[in-house]
Amino acid sequence: MEKKWFTPEEANALLPTIRQELHALQAIKQQFEERYVHLKQLKELAGKRRTDDDPFFALECELEFMQIEARTIVQSIHRKGAQLKDLDMGLIDFPSILNGEEVLLCWKLGEESITHWHGMNDGFGGRKPLAE
């Protein structure tokens, strides 16, 4: 896939969709973790007993479906040219050119718009405000 370069305006235009996708991913992650813990507890309670039927099959299928759903959303974000950096924090980077240099426009879930950038190797801690 060819690398996409964003202007702040182009990246900001994607934020409504990106927000929805991040919220969906975070919800899937939370549900997955809860169901995984539940499955693990059920398996511990069942112990070493083996039967011909698999009482965990439905729950395991549900977990697998959630993984597929999450992977699809992550791929959707990447197809747009954005980079998911941290799901828990809701960090998304958008490749850009600023003053002739490759940088990443940096956005965090909860922020109204993109107001910061950082170098390709700086990460969130190296954020700098965009010049007005």
N, C-alpha and C. Protein backbone atom coordinates (compact mmCIF):
# COMPACT_ATOMS: atom_id res chain seq x y z
N MET A 1 0.84 -1.17 0.00
CA MET A 1 0.00 0.00 0.00
C MET A 1 0.89 1.24 0.00
N GLU A 2 0.54 2.18 -0.85
CA GLU A 2 1.30 3.41 -0.96
C GLU A 2 1.08 4.27 0.28
N LYS A 3 2.17 4.88 0.75
CA LYS A 3 2.10 5.71 1.95
C LYS A 3 1.31 6.98 1.65
N LYS A 4 0.42 7.34 2.54
CA LYS A 4 -0.38 8.54 2.40
C LYS A 4 0.17 9.61 3.32
N TRP A 5 0.21 10.83 2.82
CA TRP A 5 0.63 11.98 3.61
C TRP A 5 -0.61 12.83 3.87
N PHE A 6 -0.79 13.24 5.11
CA PHE A 6 -1.97 14.01 5.50
C PHE A 6 -1.61 15.46 5.79
N THR A 7 -2.49 16.34 5.41
CA THR A 7 -2.45 17.69 5.95
C THR A 7 -3.24 17.63 7.25
N PRO A 8 -3.06 18.59 8.15
CA PRO A 8 -3.89 18.58 9.37
C PRO A 8 -5.39 18.57 9.05
N GLU A 9 -5.78 19.27 8.00
CA GLU A 9 -7.20 19.32 7.62
C GLU A 9 -7.71 17.95 7.18
N GLU A 10 -6.90 17.25 6.39
CA GLU A 10 -7.30 15.92 5.93
C GLU A 10 -7.40 14.94 7.10
N ALA A 11 -6.44 15.00 8.00
CA ALA A 11 -6.46 14.11 9.15
C ALA A 11 -7.66 14.43 10.05
N ASN A 12 -7.91 15.71 10.28
CA ASN A 12 -9.05 16.11 11.11
C ASN A 12 -10.37 15.64 10.50
N ALA A 13 -10.46 15.63 9.18
CA ALA A 13 -11.69 15.19 8.51
C ALA A 13 -11.97 13.71 8.78
N LEU A 14 -10.94 12.92 9.05
CA LEU A 14 -11.10 11.49 9.34
C LEU A 14 -11.47 11.21 10.80
N LEU A 15 -11.29 12.19 11.67
CA LEU A 15 -11.45 11.93 13.10
C LEU A 15 -12.82 11.38 13.50
N PRO A 16 -13.94 11.84 12.94
CA PRO A 16 -15.22 11.25 13.36
C PRO A 16 -15.26 9.73 13.14
N THR A 17 -14.76 9.28 11.99
CA THR A 17 -14.74 7.84 11.71
C THR A 17 -13.73 7.13 12.62
N ILE A 18 -12.55 7.72 12.78
CA ILE A 18 -11.52 7.12 13.63
C ILE A 18 -12.02 7.00 15.07
N ARG A 19 -12.72 8.02 15.55
CA ARG A 19 -13.28 7.97 16.92
C ARG A 19 -14.21 6.77 17.08
N GLN A 20 -15.11 6.60 16.11
CA GLN A 20 -16.05 5.48 16.17
C GLN A 20 -15.31 4.15 16.17
N GLU A 21 -14.31 4.04 15.32
CA GLU A 21 -13.55 2.79 15.24
C GLU A 21 -12.79 2.52 16.54
N LEU A 22 -12.21 3.56 17.13
CA LEU A 22 -11.48 3.38 18.39
C LEU A 22 -12.43 2.96 19.51
N HIS A 23 -13.59 3.61 19.59
CA HIS A 23 -14.56 3.23 20.62
C HIS A 23 -14.99 1.77 20.43
N ALA A 24 -15.23 1.38 19.19
CA ALA A 24 -15.62 -0.01 18.92
C ALA A 24 -14.50 -0.97 19.32
N LEU A 25 -13.25 -0.63 18.97
CA LEU A 25 -12.12 -1.49 19.34
C LEU A 25 -11.96 -1.61 20.85
N GLN A 26 -12.09 -0.49 21.55
CA GLN A 26 -11.97 -0.52 23.01
C GLN A 26 -13.08 -1.37 23.63
N ALA A 27 -14.29 -1.28 23.09
CA ALA A 27 -15.40 -2.10 23.61
C ALA A 27 -15.14 -3.58 23.35
N ILE A 28 -14.65 -3.91 22.15
CA ILE A 28 -14.34 -5.31 21.83
C ILE A 28 -13.26 -5.82 22.77
N LYS A 29 -12.23 -5.01 23.00
CA LYS A 29 -11.14 -5.43 23.89
C LYS A 29 -11.67 -5.72 25.29
N GLN A 30 -12.52 -4.84 25.80
CA GLN A 30 -13.06 -5.04 27.15
C GLN A 30 -13.92 -6.31 27.22
N GLN A 31 -14.79 -6.48 26.22
CA GLN A 31 -15.63 -7.69 26.19
C GLN A 31 -14.77 -8.94 26.05
N PHE A 32 -13.76 -8.88 25.21
CA PHE A 32 -12.88 -10.02 25.01
C PHE A 32 -12.21 -10.41 26.33
N GLU A 33 -11.65 -9.42 27.02
CA GLU A 33 -10.96 -9.71 28.28
C GLU A 33 -11.91 -10.32 29.31
N GLU A 34 -13.13 -9.79 29.40
CA GLU A 34 -14.10 -10.33 30.36
C GLU A 34 -14.48 -11.76 30.02
N ARG A 35 -14.74 -12.02 28.74
CA ARG A 35 -15.14 -13.37 28.32
C ARG A 35 -13.96 -14.35 28.43
N TYR A 36 -12.76 -13.88 28.16
CA TYR A 36 -11.59 -14.74 28.27
C TYR A 36 -11.38 -15.19 29.73
N VAL A 37 -11.51 -14.25 30.64
CA VAL A 37 -11.38 -14.58 32.07
C VAL A 37 -12.47 -15.58 32.46
N HIS A 38 -13.69 -15.35 31.96
CA HIS A 38 -14.79 -16.26 32.27
C HIS A 38 -14.50 -17.66 31.73
N LEU A 39 -14.01 -17.74 30.50
CA LEU A 39 -13.68 -19.03 29.90
C LEU A 39 -12.59 -19.72 30.70
N LYS A 40 -11.58 -18.99 31.09
CA LYS A 40 -10.48 -19.56 31.87
C LYS A 40 -11.00 -20.12 33.20
N GLN A 41 -11.90 -19.38 33.85
CA GLN A 41 -12.47 -19.85 35.11
C GLN A 41 -13.30 -21.11 34.90
N LEU A 42 -14.07 -21.15 33.84
CA LEU A 42 -14.88 -22.34 33.55
C LEU A 42 -13.99 -23.55 33.32
N LYS A 43 -12.90 -23.35 32.59
CA LYS A 43 -12.00 -24.46 32.32
C LYS A 43 -11.31 -24.95 33.59
N GLU A 44 -10.97 -24.02 34.47
CA GLU A 44 -10.36 -24.41 35.75
C GLU A 44 -11.35 -25.20 36.60
N LEU A 45 -12.61 -24.78 36.59
CA LEU A 45 -13.63 -25.49 37.36
C LEU A 45 -13.89 -26.88 36.79
N ALA A 46 -13.83 -26.98 35.47
CA ALA A 46 -14.08 -28.28 34.83
C ALA A 46 -12.95 -29.25 35.10
N GLY A 47 -11.78 -28.72 35.38
CA GLY A 47 -10.64 -29.58 35.70
C GLY A 47 -10.25 -30.46 34.54
N LYS A 48 -9.89 -31.64 34.88
CA LYS A 48 -9.37 -32.57 33.87
C LYS A 48 -10.47 -33.44 33.27
N ARG A 49 -11.71 -33.24 33.69
CA ARG A 49 -12.81 -34.04 33.14
C ARG A 49 -12.90 -33.84 31.64
N ARG A 50 -13.00 -34.90 30.92
CA ARG A 50 -13.15 -34.83 29.46
C ARG A 50 -14.44 -35.54 29.07
N THR A 51 -15.15 -34.90 28.17
CA THR A 51 -16.35 -35.51 27.61
C THR A 51 -16.26 -35.38 26.09
N ASP A 52 -17.17 -36.06 25.42
CA ASP A 52 -17.18 -35.99 23.96
C ASP A 52 -17.63 -34.62 23.47
N ASP A 53 -18.50 -33.98 24.21
CA ASP A 53 -18.94 -32.65 23.79
C ASP A 53 -18.00 -31.59 24.38
N ASP A 54 -17.92 -30.47 23.71
CA ASP A 54 -17.04 -29.39 24.15
C ASP A 54 -17.89 -28.26 24.71
N PRO A 55 -17.97 -28.15 26.03
CA PRO A 55 -18.83 -27.11 26.63
C PRO A 55 -18.27 -25.70 26.44
N PHE A 56 -17.07 -25.59 25.92
CA PHE A 56 -16.43 -24.27 25.77
C PHE A 56 -16.47 -23.78 24.33
N PHE A 57 -16.96 -24.61 23.44
CA PHE A 57 -16.90 -24.31 22.02
C PHE A 57 -17.55 -22.96 21.67
N ALA A 58 -18.74 -22.72 22.15
CA ALA A 58 -19.47 -21.48 21.81
C ALA A 58 -18.70 -20.25 22.29
N LEU A 59 -18.19 -20.30 23.51
CA LEU A 59 -17.46 -19.17 24.05
C LEU A 59 -16.14 -18.96 23.30
N GLU A 60 -15.47 -20.04 22.95
CA GLU A 60 -14.23 -19.93 22.18
C GLU A 60 -14.50 -19.35 20.79
N CYS A 61 -15.62 -19.73 20.18
CA CYS A 61 -15.99 -19.17 18.87
C CYS A 61 -16.28 -17.68 18.99
N GLU A 62 -16.95 -17.30 20.05
CA GLU A 62 -17.25 -15.89 20.29
C GLU A 62 -15.95 -15.08 20.43
N LEU A 63 -15.00 -15.63 21.16
CA LEU A 63 -13.70 -14.95 21.30
C LEU A 63 -12.99 -14.83 19.96
N GLU A 64 -13.04 -15.89 19.17
CA GLU A 64 -12.40 -15.85 17.86
C GLU A 64 -13.08 -14.81 16.96
N PHE A 65 -14.40 -14.74 17.02
CA PHE A 65 -15.12 -13.75 16.22
C PHE A 65 -14.73 -12.33 16.64
N MET A 66 -14.58 -12.10 17.94
CA MET A 66 -14.18 -10.77 18.42
C MET A 66 -12.78 -10.41 17.90
N GLN A 67 -11.89 -11.39 17.85
CA GLN A 67 -10.54 -11.14 17.30
C GLN A 67 -10.62 -10.75 15.83
N ILE A 68 -11.45 -11.43 15.08
CA ILE A 68 -11.61 -11.12 13.65
C ILE A 68 -12.20 -9.72 13.49
N GLU A 69 -13.20 -9.41 14.29
CA GLU A 69 -13.84 -8.10 14.24
C GLU A 69 -12.83 -6.99 14.56
N ALA A 70 -12.03 -7.19 15.60
CA ALA A 70 -11.02 -6.20 15.99
C ALA A 70 -9.98 -6.04 14.88
N ARG A 71 -9.52 -7.14 14.33
CA ARG A 71 -8.52 -7.10 13.26
C ARG A 71 -9.06 -6.34 12.05
N THR A 72 -10.33 -6.51 11.74
CA THR A 72 -10.96 -5.81 10.62
C THR A 72 -10.98 -4.31 10.86
N ILE A 73 -11.27 -3.89 12.07
CA ILE A 73 -11.29 -2.46 12.38
C ILE A 73 -9.88 -1.88 12.32
N VAL A 74 -8.90 -2.59 12.85
CA VAL A 74 -7.51 -2.12 12.79
C VAL A 74 -7.08 -1.99 11.33
N GLN A 75 -7.43 -2.96 10.50
CA GLN A 75 -7.09 -2.88 9.08
C GLN A 75 -7.78 -1.69 8.41
N SER A 76 -8.99 -1.39 8.82
CA SER A 76 -9.71 -0.23 8.28
C SER A 76 -8.98 1.07 8.60
N ILE A 77 -8.49 1.18 9.83
CA ILE A 77 -7.73 2.37 10.23
C ILE A 77 -6.47 2.48 9.38
N HIS A 78 -5.77 1.37 9.21
CA HIS A 78 -4.52 1.38 8.45
C HIS A 78 -4.76 1.65 6.96
N ARG A 79 -5.87 1.13 6.41
CA ARG A 79 -6.18 1.40 5.00
C ARG A 79 -6.41 2.88 4.75
N LYS A 80 -6.87 3.58 5.74
CA LYS A 80 -7.07 5.03 5.60
C LYS A 80 -5.73 5.77 5.60
N GLY A 81 -4.67 5.10 6.01
CA GLY A 81 -3.34 5.72 6.07
C GLY A 81 -2.95 6.13 7.47
N ALA A 82 -3.84 5.96 8.44
CA ALA A 82 -3.56 6.30 9.83
C ALA A 82 -2.83 5.14 10.50
N GLN A 83 -2.21 5.43 11.63
CA GLN A 83 -1.45 4.42 12.37
C GLN A 83 -1.97 4.35 13.80
N LEU A 84 -2.48 3.19 14.19
CA LEU A 84 -2.92 2.98 15.56
C LEU A 84 -1.68 2.72 16.40
N LYS A 85 -1.42 3.57 17.38
CA LYS A 85 -0.21 3.45 18.20
C LYS A 85 -0.48 2.85 19.57
N ASP A 86 -1.62 3.20 20.18
CA ASP A 86 -1.94 2.69 21.51
C ASP A 86 -3.45 2.66 21.66
N LEU A 87 -4.01 1.47 21.73
CA LEU A 87 -5.47 1.33 21.82
C LEU A 87 -6.01 1.86 23.14
N ASP A 88 -5.35 1.53 24.24
CA ASP A 88 -5.86 1.95 25.55
C ASP A 88 -5.90 3.47 25.68
N MET A 89 -4.86 4.14 25.21
CA MET A 89 -4.81 5.60 25.26
C MET A 89 -5.57 6.23 24.10
N GLY A 90 -5.85 5.45 23.07
CA GLY A 90 -6.51 5.99 21.89
C GLY A 90 -5.60 6.87 21.06
N LEU A 91 -4.35 6.44 20.88
CA LEU A 91 -3.37 7.23 20.13
C LEU A 91 -3.36 6.82 18.66
N ILE A 92 -3.48 7.83 17.81
CA ILE A 92 -3.43 7.63 16.37
C ILE A 92 -2.46 8.64 15.79
N ASP A 93 -1.61 8.18 14.87
CA ASP A 93 -0.69 9.06 14.15
C ASP A 93 -1.07 9.08 12.68
N PHE A 94 -0.82 10.24 12.06
CA PHE A 94 -1.07 10.45 10.64
C PHE A 94 0.23 10.95 10.01
N PRO A 95 0.82 10.20 9.09
CA PRO A 95 2.04 10.66 8.44
C PRO A 95 1.80 12.00 7.73
N SER A 96 2.79 12.86 7.82
CA SER A 96 2.66 14.19 7.23
C SER A 96 4.04 14.73 6.87
N ILE A 97 4.04 15.79 6.11
CA ILE A 97 5.27 16.52 5.80
C ILE A 97 5.11 17.91 6.41
N LEU A 98 6.04 18.26 7.29
CA LEU A 98 5.99 19.57 7.95
C LEU A 98 7.35 20.23 7.76
N ASN A 99 7.35 21.37 7.13
CA ASN A 99 8.59 22.09 6.83
C ASN A 99 9.60 21.19 6.10
N GLY A 100 9.10 20.38 5.17
CA GLY A 100 9.96 19.51 4.38
C GLY A 100 10.43 18.25 5.08
N GLU A 101 9.97 18.01 6.28
CA GLU A 101 10.40 16.85 7.08
C GLU A 101 9.24 15.88 7.29
N GLU A 102 9.54 14.57 7.21
CA GLU A 102 8.53 13.56 7.53
C GLU A 102 8.26 13.60 9.03
N VAL A 103 6.99 13.76 9.40
CA VAL A 103 6.59 13.79 10.80
C VAL A 103 5.29 13.00 10.94
N LEU A 104 4.82 12.89 12.15
CA LEU A 104 3.53 12.26 12.42
C LEU A 104 2.65 13.26 13.14
N LEU A 105 1.49 13.53 12.54
CA LEU A 105 0.48 14.31 13.24
C LEU A 105 -0.08 13.39 14.31
N CYS A 106 -0.17 13.87 15.52
CA CYS A 106 -0.48 13.02 16.67
C CYS A 106 -1.82 13.41 17.26
N TRP A 107 -2.71 12.43 17.44
CA TRP A 107 -4.02 12.68 18.01
C TRP A 107 -4.31 11.64 19.08
N LYS A 108 -4.96 12.08 20.14
CA LYS A 108 -5.33 11.20 21.24
C LYS A 108 -6.84 11.28 21.43
N LEU A 109 -7.47 10.13 21.61
CA LEU A 109 -8.90 10.07 21.85
C LEU A 109 -9.25 11.02 22.99
N GLY A 110 -10.26 11.84 22.77
CA GLY A 110 -10.66 12.85 23.75
C GLY A 110 -10.29 14.25 23.30
N GLU A 111 -9.29 14.34 22.42
CA GLU A 111 -8.93 15.64 21.87
C GLU A 111 -9.92 15.99 20.76
N GLU A 112 -10.27 17.26 20.69
CA GLU A 112 -11.24 17.71 19.69
C GLU A 112 -10.69 17.59 18.27
N SER A 113 -9.42 17.95 18.10
CA SER A 113 -8.81 17.92 16.77
C SER A 113 -7.31 17.67 16.93
N ILE A 114 -6.64 17.57 15.80
CA ILE A 114 -5.20 17.35 15.81
C ILE A 114 -4.52 18.70 16.04
N THR A 115 -3.78 18.77 17.11
CA THR A 115 -3.09 20.02 17.47
C THR A 115 -1.60 19.81 17.70
N HIS A 116 -1.12 18.56 17.55
CA HIS A 116 0.27 18.26 17.85
C HIS A 116 0.89 17.37 16.78
N TRP A 117 2.20 17.34 16.76
CA TRP A 117 2.96 16.47 15.89
C TRP A 117 4.21 16.01 16.64
N HIS A 118 4.86 14.99 16.10
CA HIS A 118 6.15 14.57 16.64
C HIS A 118 6.96 13.94 15.52
N GLY A 119 8.26 13.86 15.73
CA GLY A 119 9.15 13.24 14.76
C GLY A 119 8.84 11.76 14.61
N MET A 120 9.38 11.17 13.57
CA MET A 120 9.10 9.77 13.26
C MET A 120 9.53 8.82 14.38
N ASN A 121 10.54 9.20 15.16
CA ASN A 121 11.04 8.32 16.22
C ASN A 121 10.83 8.89 17.62
N ASP A 122 10.10 10.00 17.74
CA ASP A 122 9.94 10.66 19.03
C ASP A 122 8.83 10.08 19.90
N GLY A 123 7.75 9.64 19.31
CA GLY A 123 6.64 9.11 20.07
C GLY A 123 5.84 10.20 20.77
N PHE A 124 4.83 9.76 21.51
CA PHE A 124 3.88 10.66 22.16
C PHE A 124 4.58 11.65 23.09
N GLY A 125 5.61 11.22 23.78
CA GLY A 125 6.33 12.09 24.70
C GLY A 125 7.04 13.24 24.02
N GLY A 126 7.27 13.13 22.72
CA GLY A 126 7.95 14.19 21.99
C GLY A 126 7.01 15.12 21.24
N ARG A 127 5.74 15.11 21.62
CA ARG A 127 4.76 15.95 20.91
C ARG A 127 5.10 17.43 21.01
N LYS A 128 4.84 18.10 19.90
CA LYS A 128 5.02 19.56 19.84
C LYS A 128 3.75 20.14 19.24
N PRO A 129 3.35 21.34 19.66
CA PRO A 129 2.13 21.93 19.09
C PRO A 129 2.35 22.33 17.63
N LEU A 130 1.29 22.16 16.84
CA LEU A 130 1.32 22.64 15.45
C LEU A 130 1.35 24.15 15.45
N ALA A 131 2.12 24.72 14.55
CA ALA A 131 2.15 26.18 14.44
C ALA A 131 0.81 26.65 13.89
N GLU A 132 0.34 27.75 14.40
CA GLU A 132 -0.95 28.29 13.93
C GLU A 132 -0.81 28.85 12.54
